[in-house]
Amino acid sequence: MREEADGRSSAQELGQTIVMVTHDRVAAAYADRALFLADGSLVHEMPNPTAAGMLEQTKSFDVAQRVG
């Protein structure tokens, strides 16, 4: 994960954007923001994600899918 953090710092210095697609909450926590997609549509945006916050959001989606 250290490489991702170093790459993000370099990208910011150069004014570049990095897009990472992952199901790994820990990896996603390195991002400035996380976007949640369901069936190809944006369903939630989380600025400054944490692994714990990602887990809670994922749980709420799982419950909604079971109920809905």
Protein backbone atom coordinates (compact mmCIF):
# COMPACT_ATOMS: atom_id res chain seq x y z
CA MET A 1 0.00 0.00 0.00
CA ARG A 2 2.96 2.30 0.52
CA GLU A 3 3.54 2.43 -3.24
CA GLU A 4 -0.02 3.69 -3.77
CA ALA A 5 0.46 6.44 -1.20
CA ASP A 6 3.76 7.50 -2.81
CA GLY A 7 2.18 7.46 -6.26
CA ARG A 8 -0.71 9.59 -5.03
CA SER A 9 1.68 12.23 -3.66
CA SER A 10 3.58 12.34 -6.95
CA ALA A 11 0.35 12.59 -8.94
CA GLN A 12 -0.87 15.48 -6.80
CA GLU A 13 2.41 17.33 -7.30
CA LEU A 14 2.06 16.90 -11.07
CA GLY A 15 -1.64 17.80 -11.14
CA GLN A 16 -2.59 14.29 -12.29
CA THR A 17 -5.56 12.12 -11.38
CA ILE A 18 -5.37 8.43 -10.52
CA VAL A 19 -8.44 6.21 -10.92
CA MET A 20 -8.30 2.92 -9.04
CA VAL A 21 -11.04 0.28 -9.19
CA THR A 22 -11.04 -2.10 -6.23
CA HIS A 23 -13.16 -4.09 -3.83
CA ASP A 24 -10.43 -3.73 -1.18
CA ARG A 25 -11.62 -1.32 1.53
CA VAL A 26 -8.11 -0.77 2.88
CA ALA A 27 -6.78 0.18 -0.57
CA ALA A 28 -9.78 2.46 -1.16
CA ALA A 29 -9.07 4.25 2.13
CA TYR A 30 -5.95 5.76 0.52
CA ALA A 31 -8.15 7.72 -1.90
CA ASP A 32 -9.30 11.32 -1.63
CA ARG A 33 -12.82 10.06 -2.32
CA ALA A 34 -14.57 6.79 -3.03
CA LEU A 35 -17.42 6.28 -5.46
CA PHE A 36 -19.85 3.40 -5.02
CA LEU A 37 -21.45 1.86 -8.10
CA ALA A 38 -24.39 -0.53 -8.34
CA ASP A 39 -25.60 -1.94 -11.64
CA GLY A 40 -23.43 0.59 -13.48
CA SER A 41 -24.85 3.64 -11.69
CA LEU A 42 -23.27 5.91 -9.09
CA VAL A 43 -25.13 5.31 -5.83
CA HIS A 44 -22.91 7.01 -3.23
CA GLU A 45 -19.83 9.21 -2.90
CA MET A 46 -17.61 9.24 0.19
CA PRO A 47 -15.04 12.02 0.58
CA ASN A 48 -11.91 11.09 2.57
CA PRO A 49 -12.84 7.41 3.02
CA THR A 50 -11.58 5.24 5.85
CA ALA A 51 -11.56 1.45 5.91
CA ALA A 52 -14.14 1.51 8.74
CA GLY A 53 -16.36 3.96 6.86
CA MET A 54 -16.13 1.85 3.73
CA LEU A 55 -17.17 -1.23 5.72
CA GLU A 56 -20.20 0.55 7.19
CA GLN A 57 -21.29 1.84 3.78
CA THR A 58 -20.89 -1.60 2.24
CA LYS A 59 -23.00 -3.13 5.03
CA SER A 60 -25.79 -0.62 4.39
CA PHE A 61 -25.80 -1.55 0.68
CA ASP A 62 -25.93 -5.26 1.53
CA VAL A 63 -28.95 -4.71 3.80
CA ALA A 64 -30.71 -2.57 1.18
CA GLN A 65 -30.23 -5.26 -1.47
CA ARG A 66 -31.70 -7.94 0.79
CA VAL A 67 -34.70 -5.79 1.73
CA GLY A 68 -35.27 -4.09 -1.57
